[in-house]
Amino acid sequence: MLGFIFIIRVYENLEMPLFEETVLMLMGVSSGMYAALKLGENRTLTNTAVAVNNTASLSSLSTATNDESETVIDEATIAEKETAG
């Protein structure tokens, strides 16, 4: 809203409008809070993406380990059957 008032005053009167200190302070606080929340939002999304990627990596490692252990057991079982039979 203040941007609109600024543009109109400069266009019509060719002068800089005067805003009260309180209004400017409130704009600064509002803008600062918006920026801080946006920064926090991006970090949360990044941390969530990293956590999801880490979980996916761990589950793929777990699957690979299980497959390898099953292969070792199968080879041991086959070797036992060949010696016994």
PDB file of N, CA and C in Angstrom:
ATOM      1  N   MET A   1       0.820  -1.183   0.000  1.00  0.00           N
ATOM      2  CA  MET A   1       0.000   0.000   0.000  1.00  0.00           C
ATOM      3  C   MET A   1       0.875   1.263   0.000  1.00  0.00           C
ATOM      4  N   LEU A   2       1.951   1.199   0.792  1.00  0.00           N
ATOM      5  CA  LEU A   2       2.818   2.377   0.863  1.00  0.00           C
ATOM      6  C   LEU A   2       3.543   2.605  -0.457  1.00  0.00           C
ATOM      7  N   GLY A   3       3.843   1.521  -1.159  1.00  0.00           N
ATOM      8  CA  GLY A   3       4.462   1.653  -2.475  1.00  0.00           C
ATOM      9  C   GLY A   3       3.547   2.374  -3.443  1.00  0.00           C
ATOM     10  N   PHE A   4       2.261   2.071  -3.376  1.00  0.00           N
ATOM     11  CA  PHE A   4       1.262   2.728  -4.232  1.00  0.00           C
ATOM     12  C   PHE A   4       1.196   4.222  -3.915  1.00  0.00           C
ATOM     13  N   ILE A   5       1.163   4.551  -2.634  1.00  0.00           N
ATOM     14  CA  ILE A   5       1.128   5.967  -2.224  1.00  0.00           C
ATOM     15  C   ILE A   5       2.392   6.684  -2.696  1.00  0.00           C
ATOM     16  N   PHE A   6       3.532   6.024  -2.560  1.00  0.00           N
ATOM     17  CA  PHE A   6       4.800   6.616  -2.981  1.00  0.00           C
ATOM     18  C   PHE A   6       4.786   6.925  -4.481  1.00  0.00           C
ATOM     19  N   ILE A   7       4.354   5.966  -5.286  1.00  0.00           N
ATOM     20  CA  ILE A   7       4.334   6.157  -6.745  1.00  0.00           C
ATOM     21  C   ILE A   7       3.400   7.295  -7.140  1.00  0.00           C
ATOM     22  N   ILE A   8       2.217   7.343  -6.538  1.00  0.00           N
ATOM     23  CA  ILE A   8       1.243   8.394  -6.861  1.00  0.00           C
ATOM     24  C   ILE A   8       1.794   9.775  -6.499  1.00  0.00           C
ATOM     25  N   ARG A   9       2.366   9.908  -5.283  1.00  0.00           N
ATOM     26  CA  ARG A   9       2.888  11.205  -4.845  1.00  0.00           C
ATOM     27  C   ARG A   9       4.042  11.675  -5.726  1.00  0.00           C
ATOM     28  N   VAL A  10       4.939  10.765  -6.048  1.00  0.00           N
ATOM     29  CA  VAL A  10       6.085  11.148  -6.884  1.00  0.00           C
ATOM     30  C   VAL A  10       5.600  11.507  -8.280  1.00  0.00           C
ATOM     31  N   TYR A  11       4.664  10.769  -8.834  1.00  0.00           N
ATOM     32  CA  TYR A  11       4.158  11.032 -10.185  1.00  0.00           C
ATOM     33  C   TYR A  11       3.395  12.352 -10.245  1.00  0.00           C
ATOM     34  N   GLU A  12       2.507  12.595  -9.262  1.00  0.00           N
ATOM     35  CA  GLU A  12       1.678  13.791  -9.301  1.00  0.00           C
ATOM     36  C   GLU A  12       2.419  15.057  -8.870  1.00  0.00           C
ATOM     37  N   ASN A  13       3.195  14.966  -7.795  1.00  0.00           N
ATOM     38  CA  ASN A  13       3.783  16.168  -7.196  1.00  0.00           C
ATOM     39  C   ASN A  13       5.289  16.274  -7.386  1.00  0.00           C
ATOM     40  N   LEU A  14       5.896  15.255  -7.908  1.00  0.00           N
ATOM     41  CA  LEU A  14       7.352  15.187  -8.039  1.00  0.00           C
ATOM     42  C   LEU A  14       8.057  15.471  -6.709  1.00  0.00           C
ATOM     43  N   GLU A  15       7.504  14.889  -5.645  1.00  0.00           N
ATOM     44  CA  GLU A  15       8.106  15.043  -4.315  1.00  0.00           C
ATOM     45  C   GLU A  15       8.073  13.705  -3.583  1.00  0.00           C
ATOM     46  N   MET A  16       9.010  13.542  -2.674  1.00  0.00           N
ATOM     47  CA  MET A  16       9.063  12.324  -1.865  1.00  0.00           C
ATOM     48  C   MET A  16       8.018  12.426  -0.759  1.00  0.00           C
ATOM     49  N   PRO A  17       7.169  11.445  -0.613  1.00  0.00           N
ATOM     50  CA  PRO A  17       6.183  11.490   0.471  1.00  0.00           C
ATOM     51  C   PRO A  17       6.852  11.252   1.824  1.00  0.00           C
ATOM     52  N   LEU A  18       6.277  11.807   2.854  1.00  0.00           N
ATOM     53  CA  LEU A  18       6.779  11.615   4.212  1.00  0.00           C
ATOM     54  C   LEU A  18       5.904  10.572   4.906  1.00  0.00           C
ATOM     55  N   PHE A  19       6.557   9.548   5.407  1.00  0.00           N
ATOM     56  CA  PHE A  19       5.850   8.521   6.164  1.00  0.00           C
ATOM     57  C   PHE A  19       6.265   8.631   7.622  1.00  0.00           C
ATOM     58  N   GLU A  20       5.352   8.318   8.526  1.00  0.00           N
ATOM     59  CA  GLU A  20       5.661   8.364   9.950  1.00  0.00           C
ATOM     60  C   GLU A  20       6.696   7.291  10.299  1.00  0.00           C
ATOM     61  N   GLU A  21       7.472   7.574  11.337  1.00  0.00           N
ATOM     62  CA  GLU A  21       8.504   6.624  11.758  1.00  0.00           C
ATOM     63  C   GLU A  21       7.905   5.294  12.182  1.00  0.00           C
ATOM     64  N   THR A  22       6.739   5.349  12.794  1.00  0.00           N
ATOM     65  CA  THR A  22       6.092   4.122  13.265  1.00  0.00           C
ATOM     66  C   THR A  22       5.724   3.220  12.097  1.00  0.00           C
ATOM     67  N   VAL A  23       5.218   3.805  11.034  1.00  0.00           N
ATOM     68  CA  VAL A  23       4.839   3.029   9.857  1.00  0.00           C
ATOM     69  C   VAL A  23       6.073   2.393   9.224  1.00  0.00           C
ATOM     70  N   LEU A  24       7.158   3.142   9.128  1.00  0.00           N
ATOM     71  CA  LEU A  24       8.391   2.614   8.552  1.00  0.00           C
ATOM     72  C   LEU A  24       8.966   1.503   9.430  1.00  0.00           C
ATOM     73  N   MET A  25       8.879   1.660  10.750  1.00  0.00           N
ATOM     74  CA  MET A  25       9.363   0.642  11.660  1.00  0.00           C
ATOM     75  C   MET A  25       8.546  -0.646  11.521  1.00  0.00           C
ATOM     76  N   LEU A  26       7.251  -0.511  11.434  1.00  0.00           N
ATOM     77  CA  LEU A  26       6.390  -1.686  11.257  1.00  0.00           C
ATOM     78  C   LEU A  26       6.673  -2.392   9.940  1.00  0.00           C
ATOM     79  N   MET A  27       6.935  -1.604   8.890  1.00  0.00           N
ATOM     80  CA  MET A  27       7.304  -2.223   7.604  1.00  0.00           C
ATOM     81  C   MET A  27       8.612  -2.993   7.724  1.00  0.00           C
ATOM     82  N   GLY A  28       9.583  -2.428   8.436  1.00  0.00           N
ATOM     83  CA  GLY A  28      10.871  -3.094   8.627  1.00  0.00           C
ATOM     84  C   GLY A  28      10.733  -4.383   9.409  1.00  0.00           C
ATOM     85  N   VAL A  29       9.954  -4.350  10.482  1.00  0.00           N
ATOM     86  CA  VAL A  29       9.734  -5.553  11.292  1.00  0.00           C
ATOM     87  C   VAL A  29       9.019  -6.614  10.468  1.00  0.00           C
ATOM     88  N   SER A  30       8.009  -6.216   9.736  1.00  0.00           N
ATOM     89  CA  SER A  30       7.257  -7.152   8.903  1.00  0.00           C
ATOM     90  C   SER A  30       8.148  -7.793   7.836  1.00  0.00           C
ATOM     91  N   SER A  31       8.944  -6.987   7.182  1.00  0.00           N
ATOM     92  CA  SER A  31       9.841  -7.504   6.139  1.00  0.00           C
ATOM     93  C   SER A  31      10.903  -8.432   6.732  1.00  0.00           C
ATOM     94  N   GLY A  32      11.428  -8.064   7.885  1.00  0.00           N
ATOM     95  CA  GLY A  32      12.433  -8.898   8.554  1.00  0.00           C
ATOM     96  C   GLY A  32      11.867 -10.247   8.962  1.00  0.00           C
ATOM     97  N   MET A  33      10.658 -10.250   9.505  1.00  0.00           N
ATOM     98  CA  MET A  33      10.017 -11.521   9.899  1.00  0.00           C
ATOM     99  C   MET A  33       9.738 -12.389   8.684  1.00  0.00           C
ATOM    100  N   TYR A  34       9.295 -11.783   7.610  1.00  0.00           N
ATOM    101  CA  TYR A  34       9.026 -12.533   6.380  1.00  0.00           C
ATOM    102  C   TYR A  34      10.306 -13.200   5.879  1.00  0.00           C
ATOM    103  N   ALA A  35      11.394 -12.428   5.842  1.00  0.00           N
ATOM    104  CA  ALA A  35      12.673 -12.971   5.365  1.00  0.00           C
ATOM    105  C   ALA A  35      13.171 -14.084   6.283  1.00  0.00           C
ATOM    106  N   ALA A  36      13.053 -13.899   7.585  1.00  0.00           N
ATOM    107  CA  ALA A  36      13.504 -14.919   8.542  1.00  0.00           C
ATOM    108  C   ALA A  36      12.698 -16.202   8.392  1.00  0.00           C
ATOM    109  N   LEU A  37      11.397 -16.089   8.226  1.00  0.00           N
ATOM    110  CA  LEU A  37      10.565 -17.281   8.060  1.00  0.00           C
ATOM    111  C   LEU A  37      10.859 -17.986   6.740  1.00  0.00           C
ATOM    112  N   LYS A  38      11.128 -17.226   5.691  1.00  0.00           N
ATOM    113  CA  LYS A  38      11.464 -17.837   4.401  1.00  0.00           C
ATOM    114  C   LYS A  38      12.781 -18.592   4.486  1.00  0.00           C
ATOM    115  N   LEU A  39      13.774 -18.027   5.169  1.00  0.00           N
ATOM    116  CA  LEU A  39      15.053 -18.711   5.335  1.00  0.00           C
ATOM    117  C   LEU A  39      14.868 -20.000   6.123  1.00  0.00           C
ATOM    118  N   GLY A  40      14.091 -19.948   7.182  1.00  0.00           N
ATOM    119  CA  GLY A  40      13.823 -21.145   7.983  1.00  0.00           C
ATOM    120  C   GLY A  40      13.065 -22.191   7.195  1.00  0.00           C
ATOM    121  N   GLU A  41      12.159 -21.761   6.342  1.00  0.00           N
ATOM    122  CA  GLU A  41      11.369 -22.682   5.515  1.00  0.00           C
ATOM    123  C   GLU A  41      12.271 -23.429   4.543  1.00  0.00           C
ATOM    124  N   ASN A  42      13.199 -22.737   3.918  1.00  0.00           N
ATOM    125  CA  ASN A  42      14.110 -23.377   2.969  1.00  0.00           C
ATOM    126  C   ASN A  42      15.022 -24.365   3.665  1.00  0.00           C
ATOM    127  N   ARG A  43      15.493 -24.048   4.859  1.00  0.00           N
ATOM    128  CA  ARG A  43      16.347 -24.972   5.603  1.00  0.00           C
ATOM    129  C   ARG A  43      15.572 -26.217   5.997  1.00  0.00           C
ATOM    130  N   THR A  44      14.321 -26.057   6.394  1.00  0.00           N
ATOM    131  CA  THR A  44      13.508 -27.207   6.767  1.00  0.00           C
ATOM    132  C   THR A  44      13.301 -28.110   5.564  1.00  0.00           C
ATOM    133  N   LEU A  45      13.006 -27.534   4.408  1.00  0.00           N
ATOM    134  CA  LEU A  45      12.827 -28.352   3.209  1.00  0.00           C
ATOM    135  C   LEU A  45      14.108 -29.055   2.820  1.00  0.00           C
ATOM    136  N   THR A  46      15.240 -28.374   2.943  1.00  0.00           N
ATOM    137  CA  THR A  46      16.525 -28.976   2.609  1.00  0.00           C
ATOM    138  C   THR A  46      16.836 -30.108   3.576  1.00  0.00           C
ATOM    139  N   ASN A  47      16.610 -29.889   4.866  1.00  0.00           N
ATOM    140  CA  ASN A  47      16.868 -30.938   5.857  1.00  0.00           C
ATOM    141  C   ASN A  47      15.962 -32.133   5.632  1.00  0.00           C
ATOM    142  N   THR A  48      14.717 -31.898   5.253  1.00  0.00           N
ATOM    143  CA  THR A  48      13.794 -32.990   4.981  1.00  0.00           C
ATOM    144  C   THR A  48      14.253 -33.778   3.773  1.00  0.00           C
ATOM    145  N   ALA A  49      14.704 -33.081   2.721  1.00  0.00           N
ATOM    146  CA  ALA A  49      15.177 -33.767   1.523  1.00  0.00           C
ATOM    147  C   ALA A  49      16.416 -34.592   1.832  1.00  0.00           C
ATOM    148  N   VAL A  50      17.315 -34.068   2.639  1.00  0.00           N
ATOM    149  CA  VAL A  50      18.516 -34.814   3.023  1.00  0.00           C
ATOM    150  C   VAL A  50      18.129 -36.033   3.832  1.00  0.00           C
ATOM    151  N   ALA A  51      17.188 -35.884   4.749  1.00  0.00           N
ATOM    152  CA  ALA A  51      16.749 -37.013   5.568  1.00  0.00           C
ATOM    153  C   ALA A  51      16.112 -38.093   4.704  1.00  0.00           C
ATOM    154  N   VAL A  52      15.310 -37.704   3.729  1.00  0.00           N
ATOM    155  CA  VAL A  52      14.684 -38.673   2.836  1.00  0.00           C
ATOM    156  C   VAL A  52      15.739 -39.397   2.009  1.00  0.00           C
ATOM    157  N   ASN A  53      16.722 -38.655   1.491  1.00  0.00           N
ATOM    158  CA  ASN A  53      17.797 -39.277   0.715  1.00  0.00           C
ATOM    159  C   ASN A  53      18.618 -40.231   1.567  1.00  0.00           C
ATOM    160  N   ASN A  54      18.911 -39.832   2.811  1.00  0.00           N
ATOM    161  CA  ASN A  54      19.667 -40.709   3.701  1.00  0.00           C
ATOM    162  C   ASN A  54      18.890 -41.970   4.026  1.00  0.00           C
ATOM    163  N   THR A  55      17.593 -41.847   4.238  1.00  0.00           N
ATOM    164  CA  THR A  55      16.766 -43.011   4.527  1.00  0.00           C
ATOM    165  C   THR A  55      16.727 -43.950   3.331  1.00  0.00           C
ATOM    166  N   ALA A  56      16.620 -43.387   2.131  1.00  0.00           N
ATOM    167  CA  ALA A  56      16.605 -44.210   0.926  1.00  0.00           C
ATOM    168  C   ALA A  56      17.937 -44.931   0.753  1.00  0.00           C
ATOM    169  N   SER A  57      19.038 -44.244   1.042  1.00  0.00           N
ATOM    170  CA  SER A  57      20.361 -44.855   0.930  1.00  0.00           C
ATOM    171  C   SER A  57      20.521 -45.975   1.937  1.00  0.00           C
ATOM    172  N   LEU A  58      20.047 -45.739   3.158  1.00  0.00           N
ATOM    173  CA  LEU A  58      20.161 -46.769   4.183  1.00  0.00           C
ATOM    174  C   LEU A  58      19.311 -47.993   3.839  1.00  0.00           C
ATOM    175  N   SER A  59      18.123 -47.778   3.309  1.00  0.00           N
ATOM    176  CA  SER A  59      17.274 -48.919   2.968  1.00  0.00           C
ATOM    177  C   SER A  59      17.859 -49.697   1.797  1.00  0.00           C
ATOM    178  N   SER A  60      18.504 -49.011   0.841  1.00  0.00           N
ATOM    179  CA  SER A  60      19.120 -49.730  -0.269  1.00  0.00           C
ATOM    180  C   SER A  60      20.340 -50.501   0.215  1.00  0.00           C
ATOM    181  N   LEU A  61      21.093 -49.936   1.181  1.00  0.00           N
ATOM    182  CA  LEU A  61      22.226 -50.658   1.753  1.00  0.00           C
ATOM    183  C   LEU A  61      21.743 -51.882   2.509  1.00  0.00           C
ATOM    184  N   SER A  62      20.658 -51.723   3.237  1.00  0.00           N
ATOM    185  CA  SER A  62      20.098 -52.844   3.994  1.00  0.00           C
ATOM    186  C   SER A  62      19.655 -53.953   3.063  1.00  0.00           C
ATOM    187  N   THR A  63      19.026 -53.602   1.950  1.00  0.00           N
ATOM    188  CA  THR A  63      18.574 -54.592   0.979  1.00  0.00           C
ATOM    189  C   THR A  63      19.774 -55.301   0.352  1.00  0.00           C
ATOM    190  N   ALA A  64      20.803 -54.547   0.024  1.00  0.00           N
ATOM    191  CA  ALA A  64      21.997 -55.141  -0.576  1.00  0.00           C
ATOM    192  C   ALA A  64      22.654 -56.102   0.411  1.00  0.00           C
ATOM    193  N   THR A  65      22.726 -55.738   1.674  1.00  0.00           N
ATOM    194  CA  THR A  65      23.328 -56.599   2.686  1.00  0.00           C
ATOM    195  C   THR A  65      22.517 -57.871   2.851  1.00  0.00           C
ATOM    196  N   ASN A  66      21.190 -57.753   2.852  1.00  0.00           N
ATOM    197  CA  ASN A  66      20.342 -58.932   2.978  1.00  0.00           C
ATOM    198  C   ASN A  66      20.515 -59.853   1.776  1.00  0.00           C
ATOM    199  N   ASP A  67      20.576 -59.292   0.581  1.00  0.00           N
ATOM    200  CA  ASP A  67      20.761 -60.107  -0.620  1.00  0.00           C
ATOM    201  C   ASP A  67      22.097 -60.831  -0.584  1.00  0.00           C
ATOM    202  N   GLU A  68      23.141 -60.133  -0.150  1.00  0.00           N
ATOM    203  CA  GLU A  68      24.464 -60.748  -0.085  1.00  0.00           C
ATOM    204  C   GLU A  68      24.492 -61.867   0.941  1.00  0.00           C
ATOM    205  N   SER A  69      23.856 -61.674   2.098  1.00  0.00           N
ATOM    206  CA  SER A  69      23.864 -62.711   3.127  1.00  0.00           C
ATOM    207  C   SER A  69      23.066 -63.921   2.678  1.00  0.00           C
ATOM    208  N   GLU A  70      21.967 -63.700   1.954  1.00  0.00           N
ATOM    209  CA  GLU A  70      21.196 -64.830   1.433  1.00  0.00           C
ATOM    210  C   GLU A  70      22.021 -65.612   0.420  1.00  0.00           C
ATOM    211  N   THR A  71      22.804 -64.923  -0.393  1.00  0.00           N
ATOM    212  CA  THR A  71      23.657 -65.590  -1.376  1.00  0.00           C
ATOM    213  C   THR A  71      24.701 -66.446  -0.672  1.00  0.00           C
ATOM    214  N   VAL A  72      25.301 -65.919   0.388  1.00  0.00           N
ATOM    215  CA  VAL A  72      26.309 -66.676   1.140  1.00  0.00           C
ATOM    216  C   VAL A  72      25.671 -67.907   1.766  1.00  0.00           C
ATOM    217  N   ILE A  73      24.479 -67.763   2.340  1.00  0.00           N
ATOM    218  CA  ILE A  73      23.792 -68.907   2.955  1.00  0.00           C
ATOM    219  C   ILE A  73      23.452 -69.938   1.890  1.00  0.00           C
ATOM    220  N   ASP A  74      22.966 -69.483   0.737  1.00  0.00           N
ATOM    221  CA  ASP A  74      22.619 -70.412  -0.331  1.00  0.00           C
ATOM    222  C   ASP A  74      23.844 -71.178  -0.816  1.00  0.00           C
ATOM    223  N   GLU A  75      24.976 -70.512  -0.962  1.00  0.00           N
ATOM    224  CA  GLU A  75      26.202 -71.174  -1.404  1.00  0.00           C
ATOM    225  C   GLU A  75      26.677 -72.175  -0.354  1.00  0.00           C
ATOM    226  N   ALA A  76      26.558 -71.827   0.928  1.00  0.00           N
ATOM    227  CA  ALA A  76      26.954 -72.744   2.001  1.00  0.00           C
ATOM    228  C   ALA A  76      26.042 -73.957   2.024  1.00  0.00           C
ATOM    229  N   THR A  77      24.755 -73.744   1.818  1.00  0.00           N
ATOM    230  CA  THR A  77      23.803 -74.854   1.810  1.00  0.00           C
ATOM    231  C   THR A  77      24.087 -75.780   0.645  1.00  0.00           C
ATOM    232  N   ILE A  78      24.375 -75.227  -0.508  1.00  0.00           N
ATOM    233  CA  ILE A  78      24.685 -76.040  -1.691  1.00  0.00           C
ATOM    234  C   ILE A  78      25.969 -76.852  -1.460  1.00  0.00           C
ATOM    235  N   ALA A  79      26.965 -76.212  -0.867  1.00  0.00           N
ATOM    236  CA  ALA A  79      28.231 -76.901  -0.591  1.00  0.00           C
ATOM    237  C   ALA A  79      28.006 -78.051   0.393  1.00  0.00           C
ATOM    238  N   GLU A  80      27.160 -77.860   1.412  1.00  0.00           N
ATOM    239  CA  GLU A  80      26.878 -78.909   2.388  1.00  0.00           C
ATOM    240  C   GLU A  80      26.146 -80.065   1.715  1.00  0.00           C
ATOM    241  N   LYS A  81      25.211 -79.750   0.858  1.00  0.00           N
ATOM    242  CA  LYS A  81      24.437 -80.815   0.180  1.00  0.00           C
ATOM    243  C   LYS A  81      25.344 -81.617  -0.756  1.00  0.00           C
ATOM    244  N   GLU A  82      26.277 -80.933  -1.420  1.00  0.00           N
ATOM    245  CA  GLU A  82      27.184 -81.639  -2.336  1.00  0.00           C
ATOM    246  C   GLU A  82      28.111 -82.563  -1.565  1.00  0.00           C
ATOM    247  N   THR A  83      28.601 -82.127  -0.413  1.00  0.00           N
ATOM    248  CA  THR A  83      29.476 -82.992   0.376  1.00  0.00           C
ATOM    249  C   THR A  83      28.712 -84.108   1.028  1.00  0.00           C
ATOM    250  N   ALA A  84      27.499 -83.863   1.425  1.00  0.00           N
ATOM    251  CA  ALA A  84      26.689 -84.887   2.089  1.00  0.00           C
ATOM    252  C   ALA A  84      26.154 -85.880   1.062  1.00  0.00           C
ATOM    253  N   GLY A  85      25.887 -85.441  -0.120  1.00  0.00           N
ATOM    254  CA  GLY A  85      25.219 -86.275  -1.110  1.00  0.00           C
ATOM    255  C   GLY A  85      26.137 -86.935  -2.025  1.00  0.00           C
TER     256      GLY A  85
END
